[in-house]
Amino acid sequence: MAGSYFLTTAIDYVNSAPHLGHAYEKVLADFFSRHEKSLERDVLFLTGVDEHGQKVQQSAQKEGIEPQLFVDQTSAHFQRLHESLGIVSSHFVRTTDDLHKKVVREWLQKLHDKGEIFFQEYEGFYSVRQEQFVTEKDKVDGQWPEIFGEVIETKEPNYYFKLEPYRQKLLQHLDENPDWIVPAFRLKELRGALAEPLADLCISRPKSRLSWGIPLPFNEDYVTYVWFDALVNYVSFASVKGKLVWPPDLQIIGKDILIPAHGVYWPIMLFALDLALPKHLLVHGFWTNSGAKISKSNAKSLIDPVPYVAKYGPDALRYFVLREMVLGQDADFSDDRFETRYKTDLGNDLGNLVNRTLAMIGRYRGGVVPNYDGFHLLPGDNALRSDSYLEEYRAAVDQFAPHLALQAIWKLVQCGNQYVEETAPWKLAKDEAQSKRLDVVLGLLAETVRRLSVLVQAALPFTAEKIRAQMQLFPGPVRIEEALFGNSLKGQAIGKPEPLFPRLEEKPPAS
């Protein structure tokens, strides 16, 4: 299937180290990117970091270094995490990039020239943590929610972007595109936010208070509000060979930045500049730590993915986060749950099936897949030959549900292990009269392992490569259609099997 596909993630704020939530979102996007590549599509995949704003400036001041040096150092942590997890993006976005600064200033000038931006003095409340102005309407039971952190009263002149003139147009878009936000229940929340007139968005900060930002093209004494700056990144780097690729097929964000940033500010910015809206916003949930809410304000609750990748390998973490989080819902991380998935799903199920299949071919057929073409098949053989696993997998991906896609794959894994137990090749090998039957069993198992190397490649790219290397097949990525049943392995020499997920006796790293 030819064509192209464009997806983005949110860009991560660099004032603190990356945690499990950052890793999950990028793995999720990488899963969809790899799947689209398996459909032979040209994929543009953008991800990266947000390097401007007051919190970054304050963090740099605490360390006694310039903001640019600070973001150079902290952004490198995110890049290394991406590399360790096999995140293959088309471009790692940094908002300090000169190209991005240029596009932000162009957007601001266009909006200013159209009369969409105006100047006025503001007096009210300001959230230091969120770097945004808030109103009494944002209070819950008379109190500022924790998400706002410290809220102070302030008075200063600034530039504002008009939102209210586009509210009805946005509501109309929601009516005409009910699948714009995935999962659908998030749409109700956005409608609620659009039920009343929208306050104008302050898109500047005076340099006297904040110098670390992109200067406004029409007044150099002000810098751009970090959220306006950050949202523009989706366009700044959305070009291939100098041609803009637009709109995105999929934009992946966390539920905390749907309202107002991506559900209100972003589409209205696009409306004002006559650009199409993204086709889908995929809104994922949060991770908890053994049932406790993960919060940057509570360092003990944060889960560092690096030790898990170092000990268990990148695919173990990729599998866990994709398998555990149901589309749009929150999910819980615990060492026990992680280790159970590693030992059971990956080690005992997938790893064991691959290892003993290849070992038996080596032991009973000299390391060469036997020819079973035209041999008599029994009813029990047909379950392995079914293409329903691929159909179910593709249907799940089309629903933006990797956890269901992995469930479909593991049905084939479990079917393969059950087939080994029912056919007992070690018994067939002892009876010369069962030689042809053994050929059928080993041939079907080899074909199953080959198919699994294709099905798992989006979620477990390192494992897929290891399986294919052990089977001495050409490396991936492989077209997803290769997961259909076939008989292409007869006469294929098989390499020596090695454990895909070695048993580990030590305790998992403390989170």
Protein backbone atom coordinates (compact mmCIF):
# COMPACT_ATOMS: atom_id res chain seq x y z
CA MET A 1 0.00 0.00 0.00
CA ALA A 2 1.78 3.13 -1.20
CA GLY A 3 1.29 6.69 -0.01
CA SER A 4 2.46 8.78 2.92
CA TYR A 5 1.69 9.18 6.61
CA PHE A 6 2.49 12.09 8.93
CA LEU A 7 2.38 11.83 12.72
CA THR A 8 3.65 13.86 15.65
CA THR A 9 3.98 13.64 19.41
CA ALA A 10 3.90 16.40 21.96
CA ILE A 11 7.33 17.89 22.53
CA ASP A 12 8.68 17.39 26.04
CA TYR A 13 9.60 20.22 28.37
CA VAL A 14 13.29 19.97 29.28
CA ASN A 15 13.35 21.47 32.76
CA SER A 16 13.45 17.95 34.27
CA ALA A 17 14.65 14.47 33.31
CA PRO A 18 12.54 12.19 31.10
CA HIS A 19 10.24 9.71 32.88
CA LEU A 20 8.00 6.79 31.94
CA GLY A 21 5.25 9.03 30.54
CA HIS A 22 7.68 10.55 28.05
CA ALA A 23 8.92 7.09 27.06
CA TYR A 24 5.39 5.73 26.59
CA GLU A 25 4.21 8.48 24.26
CA LYS A 26 7.25 8.14 22.03
CA VAL A 27 7.02 4.33 21.93
CA LEU A 28 3.34 4.66 21.04
CA ALA A 29 4.15 6.97 18.14
CA ASP A 30 7.04 4.77 17.02
CA PHE A 31 4.66 1.79 16.98
CA PHE A 32 2.31 3.56 14.57
CA SER A 33 5.22 4.84 12.50
CA ARG A 34 6.68 1.36 12.08
CA HIS A 35 3.27 -0.08 11.25
CA GLU A 36 2.73 2.51 8.52
CA LYS A 37 6.16 1.72 7.11
CA SER A 38 5.15 -1.94 6.95
CA LEU A 39 2.33 -0.79 4.65
CA GLU A 40 5.09 0.66 2.42
CA ARG A 41 4.11 4.23 3.18
CA ASP A 42 6.55 7.13 3.39
CA VAL A 43 6.36 8.22 7.02
CA LEU A 44 7.11 11.66 8.43
CA PHE A 45 7.41 11.27 12.20
CA LEU A 46 8.17 14.33 14.34
CA THR A 47 9.03 14.32 18.03
CA GLY A 48 11.37 16.30 20.23
CA VAL A 49 11.64 18.85 23.00
CA ASP A 50 10.32 22.27 24.05
CA GLU A 51 13.27 24.41 25.15
CA HIS A 52 11.88 27.89 25.85
CA GLY A 53 9.92 29.38 28.72
CA GLN A 54 10.20 30.68 32.24
CA LYS A 55 10.81 27.32 33.94
CA VAL A 56 13.79 26.62 31.69
CA GLN A 57 15.21 30.07 32.37
CA GLN A 58 14.80 29.57 36.13
CA SER A 59 16.38 26.09 36.05
CA ALA A 60 19.38 27.44 34.14
CA GLN A 61 19.76 30.28 36.64
CA LYS A 62 19.74 27.80 39.54
CA GLU A 63 22.62 25.93 37.92
CA GLY A 64 24.45 29.14 37.13
CA ILE A 65 24.65 28.50 33.37
CA GLU A 66 23.22 30.05 30.23
CA PRO A 67 19.80 28.73 29.10
CA GLN A 68 21.20 27.48 25.78
CA LEU A 69 23.84 25.36 27.54
CA PHE A 70 21.17 24.08 29.93
CA VAL A 71 18.85 22.94 27.12
CA ASP A 72 21.76 21.43 25.17
CA GLN A 73 22.51 19.24 28.17
CA THR A 74 18.95 18.30 29.11
CA SER A 75 17.77 17.71 25.55
CA ALA A 76 20.57 15.18 25.16
CA HIS A 77 18.94 13.07 27.90
CA PHE A 78 15.75 12.82 25.86
CA GLN A 79 17.66 12.00 22.68
CA ARG A 80 19.56 9.20 24.41
CA LEU A 81 16.31 7.76 25.77
CA HIS A 82 14.80 7.76 22.28
CA GLU A 83 17.85 5.99 20.88
CA SER A 84 17.85 3.36 23.63
CA LEU A 85 14.17 2.56 22.96
CA GLY A 86 14.59 2.34 19.20
CA ILE A 87 12.52 5.47 18.51
CA VAL A 88 13.18 6.25 14.85
CA SER A 89 11.82 9.70 14.10
CA SER A 90 12.27 11.71 10.93
CA HIS A 91 13.43 14.71 12.90
CA PHE A 92 14.16 15.42 16.56
CA VAL A 93 12.54 18.80 17.11
CA ARG A 94 14.25 21.47 19.20
CA THR A 95 12.47 24.78 19.55
CA THR A 96 15.81 26.62 19.75
CA ASP A 97 16.41 25.62 16.11
CA ASP A 98 16.74 28.64 13.83
CA LEU A 99 14.21 27.21 11.38
CA HIS A 100 11.60 26.96 14.11
CA LYS A 101 12.27 30.50 15.32
CA LYS A 102 11.82 31.75 11.76
CA VAL A 103 8.45 30.00 11.32
CA VAL A 104 7.16 31.22 14.71
CA ARG A 105 7.98 34.82 13.81
CA GLU A 106 6.37 34.41 10.37
CA TRP A 107 3.17 33.10 11.97
CA LEU A 108 3.07 35.94 14.48
CA GLN A 109 3.59 38.55 11.78
CA LYS A 110 0.83 37.06 9.60
CA LEU A 111 -1.62 37.00 12.50
CA HIS A 112 -0.67 40.53 13.48
CA ASP A 113 -1.11 41.78 9.91
CA LYS A 114 -4.58 40.16 9.78
CA GLY A 115 -5.62 41.98 12.95
CA GLU A 116 -5.82 38.74 14.98
CA ILE A 117 -3.32 40.03 17.58
CA PHE A 118 -3.86 43.12 19.71
CA PHE A 119 -2.17 44.87 22.67
CA GLN A 120 -3.71 45.49 26.09
CA GLU A 121 -2.92 45.49 29.80
CA TYR A 122 -3.83 42.44 31.89
CA GLU A 123 -4.54 42.38 35.59
CA GLY A 124 -5.27 39.06 37.27
CA PHE A 125 -3.77 35.70 38.18
CA TYR A 126 -0.77 33.87 36.74
CA SER A 127 0.23 30.18 37.14
CA VAL A 128 4.01 29.94 37.47
CA ARG A 129 4.03 26.18 36.89
CA GLN A 130 1.87 26.26 33.74
CA GLU A 131 3.26 29.62 32.57
CA GLN A 132 -0.24 30.84 31.78
CA PHE A 133 -2.79 33.35 33.01
CA VAL A 134 -5.75 31.87 34.88
CA THR A 135 -9.10 33.14 36.06
CA GLU A 136 -11.48 32.49 38.94
CA LYS A 137 -13.32 30.03 36.65
CA ASP A 138 -10.27 27.75 36.82
CA LYS A 139 -10.68 27.21 40.56
CA VAL A 140 -12.16 23.99 41.93
CA ASP A 141 -14.17 24.33 45.14
CA GLY A 142 -12.66 27.76 45.58
CA GLN A 143 -9.06 26.52 45.33
CA TRP A 144 -6.47 26.52 42.55
CA PRO A 145 -5.98 22.91 41.34
CA GLU A 146 -2.56 21.35 41.99
CA ILE A 147 -1.77 21.40 38.27
CA PHE A 148 -1.38 25.21 38.44
CA GLY A 149 1.15 25.14 41.29
CA GLU A 150 1.87 28.60 42.67
CA VAL A 151 -0.63 31.20 41.43
CA ILE A 152 0.27 34.87 41.81
CA GLU A 153 -1.51 38.15 41.12
CA THR A 154 0.06 40.20 38.36
CA LYS A 155 -0.46 43.28 36.23
CA GLU A 156 1.32 43.84 32.91
CA PRO A 157 0.67 44.86 29.29
CA ASN A 158 0.87 42.08 26.68
CA TYR A 159 -0.18 40.96 23.21
CA TYR A 160 -3.27 38.81 22.80
CA PHE A 161 -4.56 36.44 20.14
CA LYS A 162 -8.32 36.43 19.46
CA LEU A 163 -10.00 33.08 20.17
CA GLU A 164 -13.73 33.75 20.49
CA PRO A 165 -14.33 34.60 16.77
CA TYR A 166 -13.41 30.98 15.93
CA ARG A 167 -15.31 29.15 18.67
CA GLN A 168 -18.39 28.37 16.57
CA LYS A 169 -16.22 27.21 13.67
CA LEU A 170 -14.43 24.82 16.01
CA LEU A 171 -17.74 23.50 17.36
CA GLN A 172 -18.89 22.95 13.79
CA HIS A 173 -15.71 21.01 13.08
CA LEU A 174 -16.44 18.76 16.04
CA ASP A 175 -19.98 18.17 14.76
CA GLU A 176 -18.75 17.29 11.28
CA ASN A 177 -15.79 15.20 12.46
CA PRO A 178 -16.90 13.15 15.49
CA ASP A 179 -13.79 10.96 15.20
CA TRP A 180 -11.40 13.92 15.29
CA ILE A 181 -10.50 13.13 18.90
CA VAL A 182 -9.68 9.57 19.93
CA PRO A 183 -11.03 8.17 22.21
CA ALA A 184 -14.48 9.63 21.61
CA PHE A 185 -15.28 10.37 25.26
CA ARG A 186 -12.66 13.14 25.25
CA LEU A 187 -14.86 15.01 22.78
CA LYS A 188 -17.41 15.70 25.50
CA GLU A 189 -14.76 17.38 27.63
CA LEU A 190 -13.76 19.65 24.78
CA ARG A 191 -17.35 20.59 24.04
CA GLY A 192 -17.69 21.58 27.68
CA ALA A 193 -14.68 23.88 27.37
CA LEU A 194 -16.29 25.50 24.31
CA ALA A 195 -19.70 25.97 25.89
CA GLU A 196 -18.96 29.55 26.95
CA PRO A 197 -17.16 32.46 25.23
CA LEU A 198 -13.39 32.06 25.06
CA ALA A 199 -11.02 34.52 26.69
CA ASP A 200 -8.29 35.85 24.39
CA LEU A 201 -4.91 34.09 24.58
CA CYS A 202 -1.94 36.08 25.86
CA ILE A 203 0.82 35.23 23.37
CA SER A 204 3.69 37.31 24.78
CA ARG A 205 5.77 37.92 27.86
CA PRO A 206 7.78 41.12 28.45
CA LYS A 207 11.54 40.62 28.14
CA SER A 208 11.91 42.46 31.42
CA ARG A 209 10.39 39.39 33.11
CA LEU A 210 11.34 36.62 30.68
CA SER A 211 14.19 36.86 28.18
CA TRP A 212 14.44 33.18 27.19
CA GLY A 213 12.07 33.00 24.24
CA ILE A 214 11.51 33.97 20.62
CA PRO A 215 11.16 37.77 20.21
CA LEU A 216 7.97 39.05 18.61
CA PRO A 217 8.67 40.29 15.08
CA PHE A 218 6.61 43.46 15.63
CA ASN A 219 7.96 44.29 19.11
CA GLU A 220 11.38 42.98 20.13
CA ASP A 221 10.75 43.95 23.77
CA TYR A 222 8.49 40.91 24.09
CA VAL A 223 9.04 37.17 23.63
CA THR A 224 6.54 34.55 22.50
CA TYR A 225 4.42 32.66 25.03
CA VAL A 226 5.93 29.20 25.31
CA TRP A 227 2.73 27.34 24.37
CA PHE A 228 2.22 29.33 21.18
CA ASP A 229 5.89 28.78 20.36
CA ALA A 230 5.69 25.03 21.05
CA LEU A 231 2.56 24.35 19.00
CA VAL A 232 4.12 25.85 15.88
CA ASN A 233 6.76 23.09 15.90
CA TYR A 234 4.32 20.77 14.13
CA VAL A 235 4.58 22.98 11.05
CA SER A 236 8.18 24.15 11.41
CA PHE A 237 9.60 20.76 10.52
CA ALA A 238 6.71 19.38 8.44
CA SER A 239 8.50 19.56 5.11
CA VAL A 240 9.97 16.93 2.83
CA LYS A 241 12.37 18.15 0.13
CA GLY A 242 11.22 21.71 0.76
CA LYS A 243 7.51 20.96 0.37
CA LEU A 244 5.09 21.31 3.29
CA VAL A 245 3.40 18.05 4.29
CA TRP A 246 0.03 18.95 5.78
CA PRO A 247 -2.18 18.10 7.61
CA PRO A 248 -0.90 15.45 10.03
CA ASP A 249 -2.70 12.12 9.92
CA LEU A 250 -2.20 11.67 13.64
CA GLN A 251 -1.12 13.84 16.55
CA ILE A 252 -0.47 12.07 19.84
CA ILE A 253 -0.80 13.98 23.12
CA GLY A 254 -1.46 13.37 26.82
CA LYS A 255 -4.85 14.13 28.30
CA ASP A 256 -3.46 17.06 30.31
CA ILE A 257 -2.70 19.10 27.18
CA LEU A 258 -5.92 18.53 25.24
CA ILE A 259 -7.66 21.47 26.91
CA PRO A 260 -6.93 24.19 26.16
CA ALA A 261 -3.66 23.80 24.24
CA HIS A 262 -4.40 21.23 21.53
CA GLY A 263 -8.18 21.29 21.63
CA VAL A 264 -8.65 25.07 21.58
CA TYR A 265 -5.47 27.09 20.91
CA TRP A 266 -4.04 24.82 18.22
CA PRO A 267 -7.07 24.42 15.94
CA ILE A 268 -7.89 28.13 16.22
CA MET A 269 -4.32 29.04 15.27
CA LEU A 270 -4.72 26.84 12.19
CA PHE A 271 -8.12 28.32 11.35
CA ALA A 272 -6.69 31.84 11.57
CA LEU A 273 -3.92 30.93 9.12
CA ASP A 274 -6.20 29.00 6.75
CA LEU A 275 -4.48 25.66 7.42
CA ALA A 276 -6.30 22.32 7.69
CA LEU A 277 -6.69 20.69 11.08
CA PRO A 278 -4.95 17.37 11.86
CA LYS A 279 -7.05 14.35 10.91
CA HIS A 280 -6.92 12.82 14.39
CA LEU A 281 -5.84 13.79 17.90
CA LEU A 282 -5.00 10.66 19.89
CA VAL A 283 -5.26 11.47 23.60
CA HIS A 284 -3.62 8.98 25.94
CA GLY A 285 -3.93 8.65 29.70
CA PHE A 286 -1.45 8.89 32.59
CA TRP A 287 0.75 6.33 34.29
CA THR A 288 0.50 5.72 38.01
CA ASN A 289 3.24 4.16 40.13
CA SER A 290 1.92 1.16 42.05
CA GLY A 291 -1.41 2.95 42.29
CA ALA A 292 0.02 6.34 43.29
CA LYS A 293 -0.25 9.38 41.05
CA ILE A 294 2.98 10.29 39.27
CA SER A 295 3.85 13.95 39.84
CA LYS A 296 6.92 16.05 39.07
CA SER A 297 6.45 17.65 42.47
CA ASN A 298 6.96 14.22 44.06
CA ALA A 299 10.30 12.89 42.82
CA LYS A 300 9.72 9.47 44.43
CA SER A 301 6.68 8.87 42.25
CA LEU A 302 8.58 9.35 38.98
CA ILE A 303 9.62 6.21 37.11
CA ASP A 304 12.96 6.40 35.35
CA PRO A 305 12.77 4.12 32.29
CA VAL A 306 16.55 3.94 31.84
CA PRO A 307 17.30 1.21 34.45
CA TYR A 308 14.54 -1.00 33.03
CA VAL A 309 15.90 -0.66 29.51
CA ALA A 310 19.41 -1.40 30.76
CA LYS A 311 18.38 -4.54 32.65
CA TYR A 312 15.54 -6.02 30.61
CA GLY A 313 16.19 -4.56 27.17
CA PRO A 314 14.21 -1.94 25.23
CA ASP A 315 11.56 -4.31 23.90
CA ALA A 316 10.56 -5.40 27.39
CA LEU A 317 9.64 -1.82 28.27
CA ARG A 318 8.07 -1.20 24.86
CA TYR A 319 5.91 -4.31 25.24
CA PHE A 320 4.82 -3.46 28.77
CA VAL A 321 3.67 0.10 28.10
CA LEU A 322 1.90 -0.80 24.84
CA ARG A 323 0.22 -3.87 26.34
CA GLU A 324 -0.82 -2.37 29.67
CA MET A 325 -2.33 0.96 28.67
CA VAL A 326 -5.85 0.75 27.25
CA LEU A 327 -6.61 3.47 24.72
CA GLY A 328 -7.32 6.73 26.53
CA GLN A 329 -7.32 5.24 30.04
CA ASP A 330 -4.75 5.53 32.82
CA ALA A 331 -2.46 2.57 33.50
CA ASP A 332 -0.45 1.40 36.48
CA PHE A 333 3.23 0.54 36.58
CA SER A 334 4.68 -1.73 39.24
CA ASP A 335 7.81 -3.83 39.41
CA ASP A 336 5.77 -6.99 40.01
CA ARG A 337 3.50 -6.36 37.04
CA PHE A 338 6.45 -5.52 34.81
CA GLU A 339 8.40 -8.61 35.81
CA THR A 340 5.35 -10.82 35.31
CA ARG A 341 4.91 -9.57 31.75
CA TYR A 342 8.61 -10.10 31.12
CA LYS A 343 8.69 -13.65 32.46
CA THR A 344 5.30 -14.82 31.23
CA ASP A 345 4.41 -13.06 27.97
CA LEU A 346 7.90 -12.47 26.64
CA GLY A 347 9.99 -15.24 28.15
CA ASN A 348 7.64 -18.20 28.63
CA ASP A 349 5.35 -17.49 25.67
CA LEU A 350 7.16 -15.80 22.77
CA GLY A 351 10.76 -16.54 23.72
CA ASN A 352 10.07 -20.18 24.52
CA LEU A 353 8.15 -20.79 21.28
CA VAL A 354 10.93 -19.36 19.14
CA ASN A 355 13.71 -21.09 21.05
CA ARG A 356 12.28 -24.60 21.06
CA THR A 357 11.04 -24.39 17.47
CA LEU A 358 14.49 -23.54 16.18
CA ALA A 359 16.14 -25.99 18.57
CA MET A 360 13.94 -28.88 17.36
CA ILE A 361 14.63 -28.05 13.71
CA GLY A 362 18.31 -28.13 14.55
CA ARG A 363 18.05 -31.37 16.51
CA TYR A 364 15.70 -33.36 14.26
CA ARG A 365 16.32 -31.92 10.79
CA GLY A 366 19.92 -30.76 10.90
CA GLY A 367 19.00 -27.09 11.09
CA VAL A 368 17.05 -27.08 7.81
CA VAL A 369 13.30 -26.40 7.58
CA PRO A 370 11.72 -29.54 6.06
CA ASN A 371 9.43 -29.53 3.04
CA TYR A 372 5.85 -30.34 3.97
CA ASP A 373 4.23 -29.15 0.74
CA GLY A 374 1.39 -31.44 -0.27
CA PHE A 375 1.60 -33.55 2.89
CA HIS A 376 -1.57 -34.56 4.69
CA LEU A 377 -2.73 -31.99 7.23
CA LEU A 378 -4.78 -32.68 10.34
CA PRO A 379 -7.55 -30.40 11.69
CA GLY A 380 -5.25 -29.18 14.45
CA ASP A 381 -2.81 -27.82 11.86
CA ASN A 382 -5.28 -25.30 10.49
CA ALA A 383 -5.22 -23.01 13.54
CA LEU A 384 -1.60 -22.15 12.79
CA ARG A 385 -2.35 -21.61 9.12
CA SER A 386 -5.14 -19.08 9.78
CA ASP A 387 -4.71 -15.48 8.69
CA SER A 388 -7.25 -14.27 11.26
CA TYR A 389 -4.42 -13.16 13.56
CA LEU A 390 -3.19 -10.63 11.01
CA GLU A 391 -6.73 -9.44 10.30
CA GLU A 392 -7.40 -8.90 14.00
CA TYR A 393 -4.05 -7.14 14.43
CA ARG A 394 -4.70 -4.72 11.59
CA ALA A 395 -8.23 -3.99 12.81
CA ALA A 396 -6.84 -3.11 16.24
CA VAL A 397 -4.21 -0.75 14.82
CA ASP A 398 -6.89 0.94 12.71
CA GLN A 399 -8.74 1.56 16.00
CA PHE A 400 -5.55 3.09 17.49
CA ALA A 401 -5.45 0.26 20.04
CA PRO A 402 -1.96 -1.30 20.33
CA HIS A 403 -2.98 -3.30 23.40
CA LEU A 404 -5.58 -5.12 21.28
CA ALA A 405 -3.06 -5.56 18.46
CA LEU A 406 -0.68 -7.28 20.89
CA GLN A 407 -3.50 -9.44 22.19
CA ALA A 408 -4.10 -10.62 18.63
CA ILE A 409 -0.42 -11.46 18.16
CA TRP A 410 -0.28 -13.36 21.42
CA LYS A 411 -3.19 -15.50 20.33
CA LEU A 412 -0.89 -16.85 17.64
CA VAL A 413 1.96 -17.21 20.14
CA GLN A 414 -0.26 -19.20 22.49
CA CYS A 415 -1.63 -21.25 19.62
CA GLY A 416 1.95 -22.13 18.63
CA ASN A 417 2.88 -23.24 22.14
CA GLN A 418 -0.30 -25.28 22.45
CA TYR A 419 0.46 -26.89 19.08
CA VAL A 420 3.90 -27.96 20.33
CA GLU A 421 2.37 -29.60 23.38
CA GLU A 422 -0.35 -31.35 21.39
CA THR A 423 1.88 -32.64 18.59
CA ALA A 424 4.88 -33.49 20.82
CA PRO A 425 7.60 -33.42 18.12
CA TRP A 426 10.03 -35.17 20.49
CA LYS A 427 7.77 -38.19 20.40
CA LEU A 428 7.29 -38.09 16.63
CA ALA A 429 11.09 -38.02 16.21
CA LYS A 430 11.35 -41.40 17.88
CA ASP A 431 9.05 -43.09 15.32
CA GLU A 432 10.39 -43.39 11.74
CA ALA A 433 6.84 -43.92 10.50
CA GLN A 434 5.99 -40.41 11.72
CA SER A 435 8.77 -38.74 9.73
CA LYS A 436 6.43 -36.93 7.34
CA ARG A 437 4.20 -35.88 10.20
CA LEU A 438 7.22 -34.43 11.97
CA ASP A 439 8.08 -32.51 8.79
CA VAL A 440 4.60 -30.96 8.80
CA VAL A 441 4.82 -30.01 12.48
CA LEU A 442 8.28 -28.46 12.23
CA GLY A 443 7.43 -26.72 8.95
CA LEU A 444 4.29 -25.16 10.42
CA LEU A 445 6.13 -24.06 13.56
CA ALA A 446 8.91 -22.49 11.51
CA GLU A 447 6.33 -20.65 9.43
CA THR A 448 4.61 -19.47 12.63
CA VAL A 449 7.86 -18.07 14.02
CA ARG A 450 8.55 -16.32 10.71
CA ARG A 451 5.09 -14.76 10.75
CA LEU A 452 5.57 -13.61 14.34
CA SER A 453 8.81 -11.88 13.37
CA VAL A 454 6.67 -9.72 11.08
CA LEU A 455 3.75 -9.16 13.43
CA VAL A 456 5.88 -8.02 16.38
CA GLN A 457 8.15 -5.67 14.43
CA ALA A 458 6.20 -2.48 15.19
CA ALA A 459 6.04 -3.15 18.93
CA LEU A 460 9.25 -5.16 19.41
CA PRO A 461 11.66 -4.12 16.66
CA PHE A 462 14.81 -5.48 18.33
CA THR A 463 13.16 -8.83 18.99
CA ALA A 464 11.88 -9.05 15.43
CA GLU A 465 15.43 -8.56 14.16
CA LYS A 466 16.80 -11.19 16.55
CA ILE A 467 14.22 -13.74 15.40
CA ARG A 468 14.95 -13.09 11.75
CA ALA A 469 18.69 -13.25 12.38
CA GLN A 470 18.34 -16.63 14.09
CA MET A 471 16.26 -17.87 11.17
CA GLN A 472 18.86 -16.43 8.79
CA LEU A 473 16.22 -14.37 7.00
CA PHE A 474 16.87 -10.95 5.50
CA PRO A 475 16.49 -8.16 8.06
CA GLY A 476 13.43 -5.93 8.33
CA PRO A 477 11.42 -3.84 8.20
CA VAL A 478 9.17 -6.27 6.37
CA ARG A 479 5.85 -5.69 4.63
CA ILE A 480 2.97 -6.55 6.97
CA GLU A 481 1.51 -8.81 4.26
CA GLU A 482 4.46 -11.11 4.96
CA ALA A 483 2.58 -12.12 8.11
CA LEU A 484 0.13 -14.03 5.92
CA PHE A 485 0.53 -17.79 5.95
CA GLY A 486 2.92 -19.17 3.33
CA ASN A 487 5.36 -21.99 2.67
CA SER A 488 8.49 -20.11 1.73
CA LEU A 489 10.83 -21.65 4.29
CA LYS A 490 11.34 -25.17 2.93
CA GLY A 491 15.06 -25.81 2.68
CA GLN A 492 15.84 -22.70 4.77
CA ALA A 493 18.92 -23.16 6.95
CA ILE A 494 18.27 -22.11 10.55
CA GLY A 495 20.88 -20.60 12.83
CA LYS A 496 21.58 -21.48 16.44
CA PRO A 497 18.76 -20.35 18.77
CA GLU A 498 19.61 -17.89 21.51
CA PRO A 499 17.28 -16.75 24.32
CA LEU A 500 15.31 -13.67 23.34
CA PHE A 501 14.43 -12.78 26.93
CA PRO A 502 16.99 -14.31 29.31
CA ARG A 503 15.91 -15.27 32.79
CA LEU A 504 16.94 -12.73 35.40
CA GLU A 505 17.26 -13.70 39.01
CA GLU A 506 17.86 -10.31 40.57
CA LYS A 507 15.12 -8.00 41.70
CA PRO A 508 13.94 -5.32 39.22
CA PRO A 509 15.35 -1.82 39.65
CA ALA A 510 13.64 0.33 42.26
CA SER A 511 11.21 2.83 40.76
